[in-house]
Amino acid sequence: MKDVAKLAFGASSIYLALGLLGGFFYRELTRNTEFAGQGMSQLSLVHTHLLTLGFLVMLLVVVLEKSVGLSGSLFKWFFGTYNTGVVVTGAMFVVNGMRTVSGAGSSAAVSGIAGIGHILLTIGLVILMVIVGKNLGSKPAGQAEVED
């Protein structure tokens, strides 16, 4: 498997770009449709959710890999499940937000898919905690014991 830290750093970089683009898209869409000030749209949440759940969590994964080590078969499950959850949740925020701005209202299907995204996020976070818990106290690969 590719180096965990590099993989997480790459994902973090992508989420940073998507989070910043999400904020820009929200600002421009609501300004150009004169929606600004007419209420809340989930588009406003895309920016912060992608930056927090994507960018910051993946940066934390880089730090955790370097400090306690996350490599192993469970990491693949975490990485795939968690990132699928972030993407699904973020995409449904965009879809639901655009429906709100266009006046189409909410959709039970969109809400259901967003719920699945949140479930995947939860499963991913639980797997991450299991990995960290199992690796606490062990040295990451390539780190020598330091004597006083």
N, C-alpha and C. Protein backbone atom coordinates (compact mmCIF):
# COMPACT_ATOMS: atom_id res chain seq x y z
N MET A 1 0.85 -1.18 0.00
CA MET A 1 0.00 0.00 0.00
C MET A 1 0.89 1.24 0.00
N LYS A 2 0.41 2.26 -0.67
CA LYS A 2 1.10 3.54 -0.70
C LYS A 2 1.29 4.05 0.73
N ASP A 3 2.32 4.84 0.92
CA ASP A 3 2.60 5.41 2.24
C ASP A 3 1.35 6.11 2.78
N VAL A 4 0.95 5.74 3.98
CA VAL A 4 -0.27 6.26 4.60
C VAL A 4 -0.23 7.78 4.73
N ALA A 5 0.90 8.31 5.18
CA ALA A 5 1.01 9.76 5.37
C ALA A 5 0.86 10.50 4.04
N LYS A 6 1.49 9.98 2.99
CA LYS A 6 1.38 10.63 1.67
C LYS A 6 -0.04 10.54 1.12
N LEU A 7 -0.66 9.40 1.33
CA LEU A 7 -2.04 9.21 0.87
C LEU A 7 -2.98 10.19 1.57
N ALA A 8 -2.84 10.29 2.89
CA ALA A 8 -3.69 11.20 3.66
C ALA A 8 -3.39 12.65 3.33
N PHE A 9 -2.12 12.97 3.10
CA PHE A 9 -1.76 14.35 2.74
C PHE A 9 -2.36 14.72 1.38
N GLY A 10 -2.33 13.79 0.44
CA GLY A 10 -2.94 14.03 -0.86
C GLY A 10 -4.43 14.27 -0.75
N ALA A 11 -5.10 13.44 0.05
CA ALA A 11 -6.54 13.62 0.28
C ALA A 11 -6.82 14.95 0.95
N SER A 12 -5.98 15.31 1.92
CA SER A 12 -6.13 16.59 2.62
C SER A 12 -6.03 17.76 1.65
N SER A 13 -5.09 17.68 0.74
CA SER A 13 -4.91 18.75 -0.25
C SER A 13 -6.13 18.88 -1.16
N ILE A 14 -6.68 17.75 -1.56
CA ILE A 14 -7.88 17.77 -2.40
C ILE A 14 -9.06 18.38 -1.65
N TYR A 15 -9.23 17.98 -0.38
CA TYR A 15 -10.32 18.54 0.42
C TYR A 15 -10.14 20.04 0.67
N LEU A 16 -8.90 20.49 0.81
CA LEU A 16 -8.65 21.92 0.97
C LEU A 16 -9.14 22.67 -0.27
N ALA A 17 -8.77 22.18 -1.44
CA ALA A 17 -9.20 22.82 -2.69
C ALA A 17 -10.73 22.78 -2.82
N LEU A 18 -11.34 21.63 -2.55
CA LEU A 18 -12.79 21.50 -2.66
C LEU A 18 -13.51 22.38 -1.64
N GLY A 19 -12.99 22.46 -0.43
CA GLY A 19 -13.60 23.30 0.61
C GLY A 19 -13.56 24.77 0.23
N LEU A 20 -12.42 25.22 -0.28
CA LEU A 20 -12.32 26.62 -0.70
C LEU A 20 -13.22 26.90 -1.90
N LEU A 21 -13.25 25.97 -2.85
CA LEU A 21 -14.15 26.13 -4.00
C LEU A 21 -15.62 26.12 -3.56
N GLY A 22 -15.94 25.31 -2.56
CA GLY A 22 -17.31 25.26 -2.04
C GLY A 22 -17.75 26.60 -1.47
N GLY A 23 -16.85 27.25 -0.74
CA GLY A 23 -17.16 28.58 -0.20
C GLY A 23 -17.34 29.61 -1.29
N PHE A 24 -16.47 29.55 -2.29
CA PHE A 24 -16.56 30.48 -3.43
C PHE A 24 -17.86 30.25 -4.20
N PHE A 25 -18.19 28.97 -4.45
CA PHE A 25 -19.40 28.64 -5.19
C PHE A 25 -20.64 29.14 -4.45
N TYR A 26 -20.69 28.92 -3.15
CA TYR A 26 -21.82 29.39 -2.34
C TYR A 26 -21.98 30.90 -2.45
N ARG A 27 -20.88 31.62 -2.28
CA ARG A 27 -20.94 33.08 -2.31
C ARG A 27 -21.41 33.58 -3.67
N GLU A 28 -20.84 33.03 -4.74
CA GLU A 28 -21.19 33.50 -6.08
C GLU A 28 -22.61 33.10 -6.47
N LEU A 29 -23.01 31.88 -6.17
CA LEU A 29 -24.36 31.43 -6.56
C LEU A 29 -25.43 32.23 -5.83
N THR A 30 -25.27 32.40 -4.53
CA THR A 30 -26.30 33.12 -3.78
C THR A 30 -26.32 34.61 -4.15
N ARG A 31 -25.17 35.16 -4.47
CA ARG A 31 -25.12 36.57 -4.87
C ARG A 31 -25.76 36.76 -6.25
N ASN A 32 -25.47 35.86 -7.17
CA ASN A 32 -25.99 36.00 -8.53
C ASN A 32 -27.46 35.64 -8.66
N THR A 33 -27.99 34.87 -7.72
CA THR A 33 -29.41 34.52 -7.77
C THR A 33 -30.22 35.39 -6.81
N GLU A 34 -29.57 36.33 -6.18
CA GLU A 34 -30.20 37.22 -5.20
C GLU A 34 -30.85 36.44 -4.06
N PHE A 35 -30.25 35.30 -3.73
CA PHE A 35 -30.74 34.48 -2.63
C PHE A 35 -30.20 34.97 -1.29
N ALA A 36 -29.09 35.68 -1.31
CA ALA A 36 -28.43 36.12 -0.08
C ALA A 36 -29.42 36.83 0.83
N GLY A 37 -29.47 36.41 2.07
CA GLY A 37 -30.35 37.03 3.05
C GLY A 37 -31.76 36.49 3.05
N GLN A 38 -32.06 35.55 2.16
CA GLN A 38 -33.42 35.01 2.09
C GLN A 38 -33.60 33.74 2.92
N GLY A 39 -32.60 33.35 3.63
CA GLY A 39 -32.72 32.15 4.45
C GLY A 39 -31.46 31.32 4.39
N MET A 40 -31.55 30.17 5.02
CA MET A 40 -30.40 29.27 5.13
C MET A 40 -30.41 28.26 4.00
N SER A 41 -29.24 27.97 3.48
CA SER A 41 -29.07 26.93 2.48
C SER A 41 -27.93 26.03 2.92
N GLN A 42 -28.04 24.74 2.64
CA GLN A 42 -26.96 23.83 3.00
C GLN A 42 -25.69 24.09 2.21
N LEU A 43 -25.78 24.90 1.17
CA LEU A 43 -24.57 25.27 0.45
C LEU A 43 -23.58 25.97 1.37
N SER A 44 -24.08 26.70 2.35
CA SER A 44 -23.19 27.41 3.27
C SER A 44 -22.39 26.44 4.14
N LEU A 45 -22.84 25.20 4.25
CA LEU A 45 -22.16 24.21 5.08
C LEU A 45 -21.07 23.44 4.34
N VAL A 46 -21.09 23.49 3.02
CA VAL A 46 -20.12 22.73 2.23
C VAL A 46 -18.70 23.16 2.56
N HIS A 47 -18.48 24.46 2.60
CA HIS A 47 -17.16 25.04 2.86
C HIS A 47 -16.58 24.52 4.18
N THR A 48 -17.32 24.70 5.26
CA THR A 48 -16.79 24.32 6.57
C THR A 48 -16.71 22.80 6.75
N HIS A 49 -17.65 22.07 6.21
CA HIS A 49 -17.62 20.61 6.37
C HIS A 49 -16.45 19.99 5.61
N LEU A 50 -16.20 20.43 4.39
CA LEU A 50 -15.08 19.87 3.65
C LEU A 50 -13.74 20.27 4.26
N LEU A 51 -13.66 21.49 4.77
CA LEU A 51 -12.41 21.91 5.42
C LEU A 51 -12.18 21.15 6.73
N THR A 52 -13.24 20.95 7.49
CA THR A 52 -13.08 20.28 8.79
C THR A 52 -13.00 18.76 8.64
N LEU A 53 -14.02 18.17 8.04
CA LEU A 53 -14.07 16.71 7.94
C LEU A 53 -13.08 16.16 6.92
N GLY A 54 -12.75 16.94 5.92
CA GLY A 54 -11.81 16.49 4.91
C GLY A 54 -10.39 16.94 5.19
N PHE A 55 -10.14 18.22 5.04
CA PHE A 55 -8.79 18.78 5.18
C PHE A 55 -8.19 18.53 6.56
N LEU A 56 -8.86 18.95 7.61
CA LEU A 56 -8.28 18.84 8.95
C LEU A 56 -8.17 17.40 9.44
N VAL A 57 -9.19 16.59 9.20
CA VAL A 57 -9.13 15.19 9.66
C VAL A 57 -8.02 14.45 8.93
N MET A 58 -7.86 14.67 7.63
CA MET A 58 -6.78 14.00 6.91
C MET A 58 -5.41 14.49 7.36
N LEU A 59 -5.29 15.77 7.72
CA LEU A 59 -4.03 16.25 8.31
C LEU A 59 -3.78 15.57 9.65
N LEU A 60 -4.83 15.38 10.43
CA LEU A 60 -4.70 14.66 11.70
C LEU A 60 -4.25 13.22 11.47
N VAL A 61 -4.74 12.61 10.41
CA VAL A 61 -4.33 11.25 10.07
C VAL A 61 -2.83 11.21 9.76
N VAL A 62 -2.32 12.24 9.07
CA VAL A 62 -0.88 12.32 8.80
C VAL A 62 -0.11 12.33 10.12
N VAL A 63 -0.54 13.18 11.04
CA VAL A 63 0.13 13.29 12.34
C VAL A 63 0.03 11.97 13.12
N LEU A 64 -1.14 11.36 13.12
CA LEU A 64 -1.32 10.09 13.82
C LEU A 64 -0.45 8.99 13.21
N GLU A 65 -0.33 8.97 11.91
CA GLU A 65 0.53 7.98 11.25
C GLU A 65 1.97 8.14 11.71
N LYS A 66 2.42 9.37 11.80
CA LYS A 66 3.80 9.63 12.21
C LYS A 66 4.03 9.39 13.70
N SER A 67 2.98 9.52 14.51
CA SER A 67 3.17 9.38 15.96
C SER A 67 2.85 7.98 16.49
N VAL A 68 1.76 7.37 16.06
CA VAL A 68 1.41 6.04 16.57
C VAL A 68 1.36 4.97 15.48
N GLY A 69 1.34 5.37 14.24
CA GLY A 69 1.28 4.42 13.13
C GLY A 69 -0.15 3.95 12.88
N LEU A 70 -0.57 4.06 11.64
CA LEU A 70 -1.94 3.66 11.28
C LEU A 70 -1.96 2.58 10.21
N SER A 71 -0.79 2.23 9.68
CA SER A 71 -0.73 1.26 8.59
C SER A 71 -1.34 -0.06 9.01
N GLY A 72 -1.87 -0.77 8.05
CA GLY A 72 -2.47 -2.08 8.31
C GLY A 72 -3.76 -2.24 7.54
N SER A 73 -4.32 -3.42 7.63
CA SER A 73 -5.53 -3.72 6.85
C SER A 73 -6.72 -2.87 7.27
N LEU A 74 -6.81 -2.52 8.54
CA LEU A 74 -7.93 -1.68 8.99
C LEU A 74 -7.85 -0.27 8.41
N PHE A 75 -6.65 0.20 8.13
CA PHE A 75 -6.52 1.55 7.58
C PHE A 75 -7.23 1.66 6.24
N LYS A 76 -7.12 0.64 5.40
CA LYS A 76 -7.80 0.66 4.10
C LYS A 76 -9.31 0.82 4.30
N TRP A 77 -9.85 0.11 5.30
CA TRP A 77 -11.29 0.22 5.59
C TRP A 77 -11.63 1.62 6.06
N PHE A 78 -10.82 2.15 6.96
CA PHE A 78 -11.06 3.52 7.43
C PHE A 78 -11.02 4.49 6.27
N PHE A 79 -9.95 4.46 5.51
CA PHE A 79 -9.73 5.45 4.46
C PHE A 79 -10.86 5.42 3.43
N GLY A 80 -11.22 4.25 2.97
CA GLY A 80 -12.28 4.13 1.98
C GLY A 80 -13.65 4.53 2.52
N THR A 81 -13.98 4.02 3.69
CA THR A 81 -15.29 4.31 4.28
C THR A 81 -15.43 5.78 4.64
N TYR A 82 -14.43 6.31 5.32
CA TYR A 82 -14.50 7.70 5.77
C TYR A 82 -14.57 8.67 4.59
N ASN A 83 -13.69 8.48 3.61
CA ASN A 83 -13.67 9.41 2.48
C ASN A 83 -14.92 9.29 1.62
N THR A 84 -15.47 8.10 1.50
CA THR A 84 -16.75 7.96 0.80
C THR A 84 -17.82 8.74 1.55
N GLY A 85 -17.82 8.65 2.87
CA GLY A 85 -18.78 9.40 3.68
C GLY A 85 -18.64 10.91 3.51
N VAL A 86 -17.41 11.40 3.48
CA VAL A 86 -17.19 12.85 3.30
C VAL A 86 -17.70 13.29 1.93
N VAL A 87 -17.37 12.53 0.90
CA VAL A 87 -17.77 12.90 -0.46
C VAL A 87 -19.29 12.84 -0.62
N VAL A 88 -19.91 11.77 -0.14
CA VAL A 88 -21.38 11.64 -0.26
C VAL A 88 -22.07 12.76 0.51
N THR A 89 -21.63 13.01 1.73
CA THR A 89 -22.23 14.06 2.55
C THR A 89 -22.06 15.42 1.89
N GLY A 90 -20.85 15.72 1.45
CA GLY A 90 -20.59 17.01 0.78
C GLY A 90 -21.41 17.17 -0.49
N ALA A 91 -21.49 16.11 -1.28
CA ALA A 91 -22.26 16.18 -2.52
C ALA A 91 -23.74 16.42 -2.24
N MET A 92 -24.27 15.78 -1.22
CA MET A 92 -25.69 15.97 -0.89
C MET A 92 -25.94 17.37 -0.33
N PHE A 93 -24.96 17.95 0.37
CA PHE A 93 -25.08 19.35 0.79
C PHE A 93 -25.21 20.24 -0.44
N VAL A 94 -24.40 19.98 -1.45
CA VAL A 94 -24.45 20.79 -2.67
C VAL A 94 -25.80 20.62 -3.36
N VAL A 95 -26.23 19.37 -3.53
CA VAL A 95 -27.51 19.11 -4.21
C VAL A 95 -28.67 19.75 -3.45
N ASN A 96 -28.74 19.52 -2.15
CA ASN A 96 -29.83 20.07 -1.35
C ASN A 96 -29.77 21.60 -1.32
N GLY A 97 -28.56 22.15 -1.20
CA GLY A 97 -28.41 23.60 -1.19
C GLY A 97 -28.83 24.24 -2.51
N MET A 98 -28.47 23.60 -3.62
CA MET A 98 -28.88 24.14 -4.92
C MET A 98 -30.39 24.04 -5.11
N ARG A 99 -30.99 22.98 -4.58
CA ARG A 99 -32.45 22.86 -4.65
C ARG A 99 -33.11 23.98 -3.85
N THR A 100 -32.54 24.30 -2.69
CA THR A 100 -33.09 25.37 -1.86
C THR A 100 -32.97 26.72 -2.56
N VAL A 101 -31.79 27.00 -3.11
CA VAL A 101 -31.57 28.28 -3.78
C VAL A 101 -32.48 28.42 -4.99
N SER A 102 -32.72 27.32 -5.71
CA SER A 102 -33.57 27.39 -6.90
C SER A 102 -35.06 27.36 -6.56
N GLY A 103 -35.39 27.14 -5.27
CA GLY A 103 -36.78 27.13 -4.86
C GLY A 103 -37.45 25.78 -4.99
N ALA A 104 -36.68 24.72 -5.28
CA ALA A 104 -37.26 23.39 -5.47
C ALA A 104 -37.63 22.71 -4.16
N GLY A 105 -37.10 23.16 -3.05
CA GLY A 105 -37.41 22.54 -1.77
C GLY A 105 -36.58 21.31 -1.50
N SER A 106 -36.87 20.66 -0.38
CA SER A 106 -36.07 19.50 0.01
C SER A 106 -36.61 18.23 -0.63
N SER A 107 -35.79 17.20 -0.59
CA SER A 107 -36.14 15.93 -1.19
C SER A 107 -35.83 14.81 -0.20
N ALA A 108 -36.76 13.88 -0.04
CA ALA A 108 -36.54 12.76 0.87
C ALA A 108 -35.39 11.89 0.39
N ALA A 109 -35.24 11.75 -0.92
CA ALA A 109 -34.14 10.94 -1.47
C ALA A 109 -32.79 11.56 -1.13
N VAL A 110 -32.67 12.87 -1.30
CA VAL A 110 -31.42 13.56 -0.98
C VAL A 110 -31.12 13.43 0.51
N SER A 111 -32.13 13.60 1.33
CA SER A 111 -31.94 13.47 2.78
C SER A 111 -31.51 12.05 3.15
N GLY A 112 -32.09 11.06 2.51
CA GLY A 112 -31.71 9.68 2.78
C GLY A 112 -30.28 9.38 2.39
N ILE A 113 -29.87 9.86 1.22
CA ILE A 113 -28.49 9.65 0.78
C ILE A 113 -27.52 10.39 1.70
N ALA A 114 -27.89 11.59 2.12
CA ALA A 114 -27.05 12.34 3.07
C ALA A 114 -26.93 11.57 4.38
N GLY A 115 -27.99 10.93 4.80
CA GLY A 115 -27.95 10.11 6.01
C GLY A 115 -26.98 8.95 5.87
N ILE A 116 -26.96 8.33 4.69
CA ILE A 116 -26.01 7.25 4.43
C ILE A 116 -24.58 7.79 4.51
N GLY A 117 -24.37 9.00 3.97
CA GLY A 117 -23.05 9.63 4.07
C GLY A 117 -22.62 9.83 5.51
N HIS A 118 -23.55 10.27 6.35
CA HIS A 118 -23.24 10.46 7.76
C HIS A 118 -22.96 9.13 8.47
N ILE A 119 -23.68 8.09 8.09
CA ILE A 119 -23.42 6.77 8.67
C ILE A 119 -22.02 6.30 8.29
N LEU A 120 -21.63 6.49 7.03
CA LEU A 120 -20.28 6.11 6.60
C LEU A 120 -19.21 6.90 7.35
N LEU A 121 -19.47 8.19 7.58
CA LEU A 121 -18.53 9.00 8.37
C LEU A 121 -18.37 8.42 9.77
N THR A 122 -19.48 8.07 10.38
CA THR A 122 -19.45 7.51 11.74
C THR A 122 -18.68 6.20 11.78
N ILE A 123 -18.95 5.32 10.84
CA ILE A 123 -18.23 4.04 10.78
C ILE A 123 -16.74 4.29 10.59
N GLY A 124 -16.39 5.21 9.69
CA GLY A 124 -14.99 5.54 9.47
C GLY A 124 -14.30 6.06 10.71
N LEU A 125 -14.98 6.94 11.45
CA LEU A 125 -14.39 7.48 12.68
C LEU A 125 -14.22 6.40 13.75
N VAL A 126 -15.17 5.48 13.84
CA VAL A 126 -15.05 4.38 14.79
C VAL A 126 -13.85 3.50 14.42
N ILE A 127 -13.70 3.20 13.14
CA ILE A 127 -12.54 2.40 12.70
C ILE A 127 -11.24 3.13 13.03
N LEU A 128 -11.19 4.44 12.81
CA LEU A 128 -9.99 5.21 13.13
C LEU A 128 -9.66 5.11 14.62
N MET A 129 -10.68 5.23 15.46
CA MET A 129 -10.45 5.13 16.91
C MET A 129 -9.95 3.74 17.30
N VAL A 130 -10.47 2.70 16.65
CA VAL A 130 -10.01 1.34 16.92
C VAL A 130 -8.53 1.21 16.53
N ILE A 131 -8.17 1.74 15.36
CA ILE A 131 -6.77 1.67 14.91
C ILE A 131 -5.86 2.40 15.89
N VAL A 132 -6.23 3.61 16.25
CA VAL A 132 -5.41 4.40 17.17
C VAL A 132 -5.30 3.69 18.52
N GLY A 133 -6.42 3.18 19.02
CA GLY A 133 -6.41 2.47 20.30
C GLY A 133 -5.50 1.25 20.28
N LYS A 134 -5.52 0.50 19.17
CA LYS A 134 -4.67 -0.69 19.05
C LYS A 134 -3.19 -0.32 18.97
N ASN A 135 -2.89 0.83 18.39
CA ASN A 135 -1.50 1.21 18.16
C ASN A 135 -0.90 2.09 19.25
N LEU A 136 -1.70 2.52 20.21
CA LEU A 136 -1.14 3.33 21.29
C LEU A 136 -0.13 2.49 22.06
N GLY A 137 0.99 3.07 22.35
CA GLY A 137 2.02 2.36 23.10
C GLY A 137 2.99 1.60 22.23
N SER A 138 2.64 1.38 20.97
CA SER A 138 3.59 0.72 20.07
C SER A 138 4.30 1.78 19.24
N LYS A 139 5.50 1.44 18.82
CA LYS A 139 6.29 2.40 18.04
C LYS A 139 5.90 2.28 16.57
N PRO A 140 5.73 3.40 15.87
CA PRO A 140 5.49 3.33 14.44
C PRO A 140 6.68 2.71 13.72
N ALA A 141 6.45 2.11 12.60
CA ALA A 141 7.52 1.48 11.83
C ALA A 141 8.60 2.51 11.50
N GLY A 142 9.84 2.10 11.65
CA GLY A 142 10.95 2.98 11.32
C GLY A 142 11.36 3.92 12.43
N GLN A 143 10.75 3.83 13.60
CA GLN A 143 11.10 4.71 14.71
C GLN A 143 11.87 3.91 15.75
N ALA A 144 13.06 4.35 16.05
CA ALA A 144 13.91 3.64 17.01
C ALA A 144 13.57 4.06 18.43
N GLU A 145 13.87 3.18 19.37
CA GLU A 145 13.66 3.48 20.79
C GLU A 145 14.67 4.53 21.22
N VAL A 146 14.22 5.56 21.91
CA VAL A 146 15.10 6.62 22.40
C VAL A 146 15.39 6.35 23.87
N GLU A 147 16.67 6.31 24.20
CA GLU A 147 17.06 6.08 25.59
C GLU A 147 17.45 7.38 26.23
N ASP A 148 17.17 7.51 27.53
CA ASP A 148 17.53 8.74 28.25
C ASP A 148 18.99 8.78 28.59
